[in-house]
């Protein structure tokens, strides 16, 4: 079991909770899987893909509760968790706002490796 993290706009999370299912963000749908990050990868993911973006959330999940999660190489050969399938938002361990700090970088809650 590993804790994995999904960063996404708060509006997409609200829609997923309403629908009871998250099919993915536009980039997830394009790539054919839902992108997640490990604790050490999440800050870089935010900096690369969400720089300056307000109104984000970060949701934590137990990878063993989600179904078909595969760890696959991505940037620099790092293994990133990818979910092949839809995500049940009720399986979130927690969901927290991902705020921007005064330096323009996102301020992360404590993340479990």
N, C-alpha and C. Protein backbone atom coordinates (compact mmCIF):
# COMPACT_ATOMS: atom_id res chain seq x y z
N UNK A 1 0.84 -1.18 0.00
CA UNK A 1 0.00 0.00 0.00
C UNK A 1 0.87 1.24 0.00
N UNK A 2 0.55 2.17 -0.89
CA UNK A 2 1.22 3.47 -0.93
C UNK A 2 0.14 4.53 -1.02
N UNK A 3 0.43 5.68 -0.44
CA UNK A 3 -0.48 6.81 -0.60
C UNK A 3 -0.07 7.54 -1.86
N UNK A 4 -1.05 7.78 -2.74
CA UNK A 4 -0.82 8.51 -3.98
C UNK A 4 -1.73 9.72 -3.99
N UNK A 5 -1.38 10.71 -4.81
CA UNK A 5 -2.04 12.01 -4.76
C UNK A 5 -2.48 12.46 -6.14
N UNK A 6 -3.67 13.04 -6.17
CA UNK A 6 -4.23 13.62 -7.40
C UNK A 6 -4.40 15.11 -7.17
N UNK A 7 -3.82 15.91 -8.03
CA UNK A 7 -3.98 17.37 -8.02
C UNK A 7 -4.94 17.70 -9.14
N UNK A 8 -5.96 18.49 -8.82
CA UNK A 8 -6.93 18.86 -9.86
C UNK A 8 -7.69 20.11 -9.45
N UNK A 9 -8.30 20.77 -10.43
CA UNK A 9 -9.13 21.93 -10.11
C UNK A 9 -10.28 21.53 -9.18
N UNK A 10 -10.57 22.40 -8.23
CA UNK A 10 -11.63 22.12 -7.26
C UNK A 10 -12.96 21.87 -7.97
N UNK A 11 -13.21 22.54 -9.08
CA UNK A 11 -14.48 22.36 -9.81
C UNK A 11 -14.61 20.93 -10.35
N UNK A 12 -13.50 20.35 -10.83
CA UNK A 12 -13.54 18.96 -11.30
C UNK A 12 -13.80 18.01 -10.15
N UNK A 13 -13.22 18.30 -8.99
CA UNK A 13 -13.46 17.44 -7.83
C UNK A 13 -14.92 17.51 -7.40
N UNK A 14 -15.48 18.73 -7.36
CA UNK A 14 -16.90 18.88 -7.00
C UNK A 14 -17.79 18.11 -7.97
N UNK A 15 -17.48 18.20 -9.26
CA UNK A 15 -18.25 17.46 -10.27
C UNK A 15 -18.15 15.95 -10.05
N UNK A 16 -16.96 15.47 -9.70
CA UNK A 16 -16.75 14.04 -9.46
C UNK A 16 -17.55 13.58 -8.25
N UNK A 17 -17.53 14.39 -7.19
CA UNK A 17 -18.29 14.03 -5.99
C UNK A 17 -19.77 13.99 -6.32
N UNK A 18 -20.24 14.96 -7.08
CA UNK A 18 -21.65 15.00 -7.48
C UNK A 18 -22.04 13.78 -8.31
N UNK A 19 -21.18 13.41 -9.23
CA UNK A 19 -21.46 12.29 -10.14
C UNK A 19 -21.17 10.94 -9.48
N UNK A 20 -20.37 10.94 -8.42
CA UNK A 20 -19.98 9.70 -7.78
C UNK A 20 -18.88 8.97 -8.53
N UNK A 21 -18.25 9.64 -9.48
CA UNK A 21 -17.24 9.01 -10.33
C UNK A 21 -16.41 10.10 -10.99
N UNK A 22 -15.10 9.88 -11.08
CA UNK A 22 -14.20 10.78 -11.80
C UNK A 22 -13.58 10.01 -12.95
N UNK A 23 -13.83 10.49 -14.16
CA UNK A 23 -13.31 9.83 -15.36
C UNK A 23 -11.95 10.38 -15.76
N UNK A 24 -11.59 11.52 -15.19
CA UNK A 24 -10.29 12.12 -15.47
C UNK A 24 -10.40 13.54 -15.96
N UNK A 25 -9.30 14.25 -15.85
CA UNK A 25 -9.18 15.60 -16.38
C UNK A 25 -8.97 15.48 -17.89
N UNK A 26 -8.99 16.58 -18.61
CA UNK A 26 -8.75 16.49 -20.05
C UNK A 26 -7.45 15.77 -20.41
N UNK A 27 -6.37 16.04 -19.68
CA UNK A 27 -5.10 15.36 -20.00
C UNK A 27 -5.17 13.87 -19.65
N UNK A 28 -5.88 13.52 -18.58
CA UNK A 28 -6.06 12.11 -18.24
C UNK A 28 -6.82 11.38 -19.35
N UNK A 29 -7.89 12.00 -19.81
CA UNK A 29 -8.70 11.39 -20.86
C UNK A 29 -7.89 11.21 -22.14
N UNK A 30 -7.08 12.21 -22.45
CA UNK A 30 -6.23 12.14 -23.65
C UNK A 30 -5.22 11.01 -23.54
N UNK A 31 -4.64 10.84 -22.34
CA UNK A 31 -3.59 9.84 -22.14
C UNK A 31 -4.13 8.43 -21.88
N UNK A 32 -5.42 8.31 -21.54
CA UNK A 32 -6.02 7.00 -21.34
C UNK A 32 -5.89 6.45 -19.92
N UNK A 33 -5.46 7.28 -18.98
CA UNK A 33 -5.36 6.88 -17.58
C UNK A 33 -5.39 8.13 -16.72
N UNK A 34 -5.65 7.95 -15.43
CA UNK A 34 -5.68 9.07 -14.50
C UNK A 34 -4.30 9.19 -13.85
N UNK A 35 -3.70 10.36 -14.00
CA UNK A 35 -2.37 10.64 -13.47
C UNK A 35 -2.42 10.87 -11.96
N UNK A 36 -1.50 10.28 -11.24
CA UNK A 36 -1.30 10.52 -9.82
C UNK A 36 0.19 10.79 -9.61
N UNK A 37 0.51 11.24 -8.40
CA UNK A 37 1.90 11.45 -8.01
C UNK A 37 2.13 10.83 -6.65
N UNK A 38 3.37 10.45 -6.40
CA UNK A 38 3.80 10.08 -5.06
C UNK A 38 4.11 11.37 -4.29
N UNK A 39 4.28 11.26 -3.00
CA UNK A 39 4.51 12.45 -2.16
C UNK A 39 5.68 13.30 -2.66
N UNK A 40 6.79 12.67 -2.98
CA UNK A 40 7.96 13.41 -3.43
C UNK A 40 7.83 13.99 -4.83
N UNK A 41 6.86 13.51 -5.59
CA UNK A 41 6.65 13.98 -6.97
C UNK A 41 5.62 15.10 -7.06
N UNK A 42 4.74 15.19 -6.08
CA UNK A 42 3.60 16.13 -6.16
C UNK A 42 4.02 17.59 -6.32
N UNK A 43 5.01 18.10 -5.58
CA UNK A 43 5.39 19.50 -5.77
C UNK A 43 5.88 19.80 -7.19
N UNK A 44 6.63 18.89 -7.76
CA UNK A 44 7.11 19.11 -9.14
C UNK A 44 5.95 19.03 -10.13
N UNK A 45 5.03 18.09 -9.91
CA UNK A 45 3.84 18.00 -10.75
C UNK A 45 3.07 19.31 -10.73
N UNK A 46 2.88 19.87 -9.54
CA UNK A 46 2.17 21.15 -9.41
C UNK A 46 2.92 22.26 -10.15
N UNK A 47 4.23 22.31 -9.98
CA UNK A 47 5.03 23.36 -10.62
C UNK A 47 5.00 23.24 -12.15
N UNK A 48 5.04 22.01 -12.66
CA UNK A 48 5.07 21.81 -14.12
C UNK A 48 3.71 21.98 -14.78
N UNK A 49 2.67 21.50 -14.13
CA UNK A 49 1.37 21.43 -14.79
C UNK A 49 0.32 22.40 -14.25
N UNK A 50 0.59 22.99 -13.09
CA UNK A 50 -0.41 23.87 -12.46
C UNK A 50 0.21 25.18 -11.97
N UNK A 51 1.30 25.61 -12.57
CA UNK A 51 1.99 26.82 -12.13
C UNK A 51 1.02 28.01 -12.14
N UNK A 52 0.92 28.68 -11.00
CA UNK A 52 0.09 29.87 -10.88
C UNK A 52 -1.40 29.62 -10.85
N UNK A 53 -1.83 28.36 -10.86
CA UNK A 53 -3.26 28.05 -10.90
C UNK A 53 -3.85 28.09 -9.49
N UNK A 54 -4.92 28.84 -9.36
CA UNK A 54 -5.66 28.93 -8.10
C UNK A 54 -6.77 27.89 -8.08
N UNK A 55 -7.38 27.71 -6.94
CA UNK A 55 -8.57 26.87 -6.76
C UNK A 55 -8.33 25.42 -7.14
N UNK A 56 -7.21 24.89 -6.62
CA UNK A 56 -6.89 23.48 -6.79
C UNK A 56 -7.15 22.73 -5.49
N UNK A 57 -7.30 21.42 -5.61
CA UNK A 57 -7.32 20.54 -4.45
C UNK A 57 -6.28 19.45 -4.67
N UNK A 58 -5.87 18.85 -3.57
CA UNK A 58 -5.05 17.65 -3.62
C UNK A 58 -5.79 16.59 -2.83
N UNK A 59 -5.94 15.44 -3.44
CA UNK A 59 -6.66 14.33 -2.82
C UNK A 59 -5.70 13.16 -2.64
N UNK A 60 -5.76 12.54 -1.47
CA UNK A 60 -4.90 11.41 -1.15
C UNK A 60 -5.70 10.11 -1.25
N UNK A 61 -5.06 9.08 -1.78
CA UNK A 61 -5.70 7.77 -1.95
C UNK A 61 -4.73 6.66 -1.57
N UNK A 62 -5.27 5.57 -1.09
CA UNK A 62 -4.52 4.33 -0.89
C UNK A 62 -4.52 3.62 -2.25
N UNK A 63 -3.35 3.46 -2.85
CA UNK A 63 -3.30 2.88 -4.19
C UNK A 63 -3.93 1.49 -4.27
N UNK A 64 -3.89 0.73 -3.18
CA UNK A 64 -4.43 -0.63 -3.22
C UNK A 64 -5.96 -0.66 -3.22
N UNK A 65 -6.60 0.48 -2.98
CA UNK A 65 -8.06 0.53 -2.96
C UNK A 65 -8.67 0.94 -4.29
N UNK A 66 -7.84 1.26 -5.27
CA UNK A 66 -8.35 1.88 -6.49
C UNK A 66 -8.56 0.95 -7.68
N UNK A 67 -7.95 -0.20 -7.65
CA UNK A 67 -8.09 -1.08 -8.81
C UNK A 67 -6.79 -1.14 -9.59
N UNK A 68 -6.86 -0.90 -10.89
CA UNK A 68 -5.72 -1.10 -11.79
C UNK A 68 -4.78 0.10 -11.77
N UNK A 69 -3.93 0.17 -10.74
CA UNK A 69 -2.90 1.21 -10.65
C UNK A 69 -1.59 0.61 -11.11
N UNK A 70 -0.97 1.28 -12.06
CA UNK A 70 0.32 0.83 -12.59
C UNK A 70 1.35 1.94 -12.37
N UNK A 71 2.53 1.55 -11.97
CA UNK A 71 3.64 2.49 -11.82
C UNK A 71 4.45 2.45 -13.10
N UNK A 72 4.43 3.57 -13.82
CA UNK A 72 5.03 3.59 -15.15
C UNK A 72 6.01 4.75 -15.27
N UNK A 73 7.06 4.56 -16.07
CA UNK A 73 8.07 5.62 -16.20
C UNK A 73 7.50 6.85 -16.89
N UNK A 74 7.93 7.98 -16.38
CA UNK A 74 7.54 9.26 -16.96
C UNK A 74 8.80 10.12 -17.01
N UNK A 75 8.65 11.42 -16.74
CA UNK A 75 9.78 12.32 -16.86
C UNK A 75 10.99 11.83 -16.07
N UNK A 76 12.11 11.82 -16.73
CA UNK A 76 13.35 11.43 -16.09
C UNK A 76 13.41 9.98 -15.64
N UNK A 77 12.48 9.16 -16.11
CA UNK A 77 12.47 7.76 -15.73
C UNK A 77 11.80 7.46 -14.41
N UNK A 78 11.32 8.50 -13.70
CA UNK A 78 10.60 8.27 -12.44
C UNK A 78 9.35 7.46 -12.71
N UNK A 79 9.00 6.58 -11.78
CA UNK A 79 7.77 5.80 -11.89
C UNK A 79 6.63 6.58 -11.24
N UNK A 80 5.60 6.84 -12.04
CA UNK A 80 4.42 7.56 -11.56
C UNK A 80 3.23 6.61 -11.54
N UNK A 81 2.36 6.75 -10.54
CA UNK A 81 1.16 5.92 -10.48
C UNK A 81 0.11 6.41 -11.48
N UNK A 82 -0.43 5.47 -12.23
CA UNK A 82 -1.49 5.74 -13.21
C UNK A 82 -2.65 4.79 -12.94
N UNK A 83 -3.84 5.33 -12.88
CA UNK A 83 -5.04 4.50 -12.69
C UNK A 83 -5.70 4.28 -14.04
N UNK A 84 -5.84 3.03 -14.40
CA UNK A 84 -6.55 2.67 -15.62
C UNK A 84 -7.98 2.31 -15.22
N UNK A 85 -8.86 3.25 -15.38
CA UNK A 85 -10.24 3.10 -14.97
C UNK A 85 -10.74 4.39 -14.37
N UNK A 86 -11.92 4.34 -13.82
CA UNK A 86 -12.49 5.53 -13.20
C UNK A 86 -12.18 5.53 -11.70
N UNK A 87 -12.33 6.69 -11.12
CA UNK A 87 -12.00 6.89 -9.71
C UNK A 87 -13.27 7.17 -8.92
N UNK A 88 -13.44 6.45 -7.83
CA UNK A 88 -14.55 6.70 -6.92
C UNK A 88 -14.09 7.73 -5.89
N UNK A 89 -14.65 8.94 -5.92
CA UNK A 89 -14.19 9.98 -5.00
C UNK A 89 -14.37 9.62 -3.52
N UNK A 90 -15.27 8.69 -3.22
CA UNK A 90 -15.47 8.27 -1.83
C UNK A 90 -14.24 7.54 -1.28
N UNK A 91 -13.36 7.11 -2.15
CA UNK A 91 -12.17 6.39 -1.71
C UNK A 91 -11.04 7.32 -1.27
N UNK A 92 -11.26 8.61 -1.38
CA UNK A 92 -10.23 9.57 -0.94
C UNK A 92 -10.02 9.44 0.56
N UNK A 93 -8.77 9.39 0.95
CA UNK A 93 -8.42 9.40 2.38
C UNK A 93 -8.68 10.78 2.95
N UNK A 94 -8.36 11.79 2.15
CA UNK A 94 -8.65 13.18 2.47
C UNK A 94 -8.52 14.03 1.20
N UNK A 95 -9.13 15.20 1.25
CA UNK A 95 -9.05 16.18 0.17
C UNK A 95 -8.81 17.53 0.83
N UNK A 96 -7.80 18.26 0.36
CA UNK A 96 -7.46 19.55 0.95
C UNK A 96 -7.21 20.57 -0.15
N UNK A 97 -7.47 21.85 0.14
CA UNK A 97 -7.14 22.90 -0.83
C UNK A 97 -5.63 22.94 -1.05
N UNK A 98 -5.23 23.23 -2.27
CA UNK A 98 -3.82 23.42 -2.60
C UNK A 98 -3.64 24.89 -2.95
N UNK A 99 -3.26 25.65 -1.95
CA UNK A 99 -3.20 27.11 -2.08
C UNK A 99 -1.87 27.56 -2.65
N UNK A 100 -1.89 28.76 -3.23
CA UNK A 100 -0.66 29.38 -3.72
C UNK A 100 -0.06 30.22 -2.61
N UNK A 101 1.25 30.08 -2.41
CA UNK A 101 1.95 30.90 -1.44
C UNK A 101 2.28 32.26 -2.03
N UNK A 102 2.81 33.13 -1.21
CA UNK A 102 3.15 34.48 -1.67
C UNK A 102 4.25 34.46 -2.74
N UNK A 103 5.02 33.36 -2.79
CA UNK A 103 6.06 33.22 -3.80
C UNK A 103 5.54 32.64 -5.11
N UNK A 104 4.23 32.35 -5.17
CA UNK A 104 3.63 31.82 -6.39
C UNK A 104 3.68 30.31 -6.50
N UNK A 105 4.29 29.65 -5.51
CA UNK A 105 4.33 28.19 -5.51
C UNK A 105 3.24 27.65 -4.59
N UNK A 106 2.79 26.45 -4.90
CA UNK A 106 1.73 25.84 -4.10
C UNK A 106 2.28 25.40 -2.74
N UNK A 107 1.43 25.57 -1.73
CA UNK A 107 1.77 25.20 -0.37
C UNK A 107 1.09 23.87 -0.07
N UNK A 108 1.90 22.85 0.13
CA UNK A 108 1.38 21.49 0.32
C UNK A 108 1.13 21.17 1.78
N UNK A 109 0.05 20.43 2.03
CA UNK A 109 -0.12 19.87 3.37
C UNK A 109 0.94 18.78 3.54
N UNK A 110 1.04 18.24 4.73
CA UNK A 110 1.98 17.13 4.96
C UNK A 110 1.52 15.93 4.14
N UNK A 111 2.44 15.37 3.36
CA UNK A 111 2.14 14.21 2.51
C UNK A 111 2.88 13.00 3.04
N UNK A 112 2.20 11.87 3.05
CA UNK A 112 2.80 10.61 3.50
C UNK A 112 3.47 9.92 2.32
N UNK A 113 4.71 9.50 2.51
CA UNK A 113 5.40 8.77 1.42
C UNK A 113 4.76 7.43 1.13
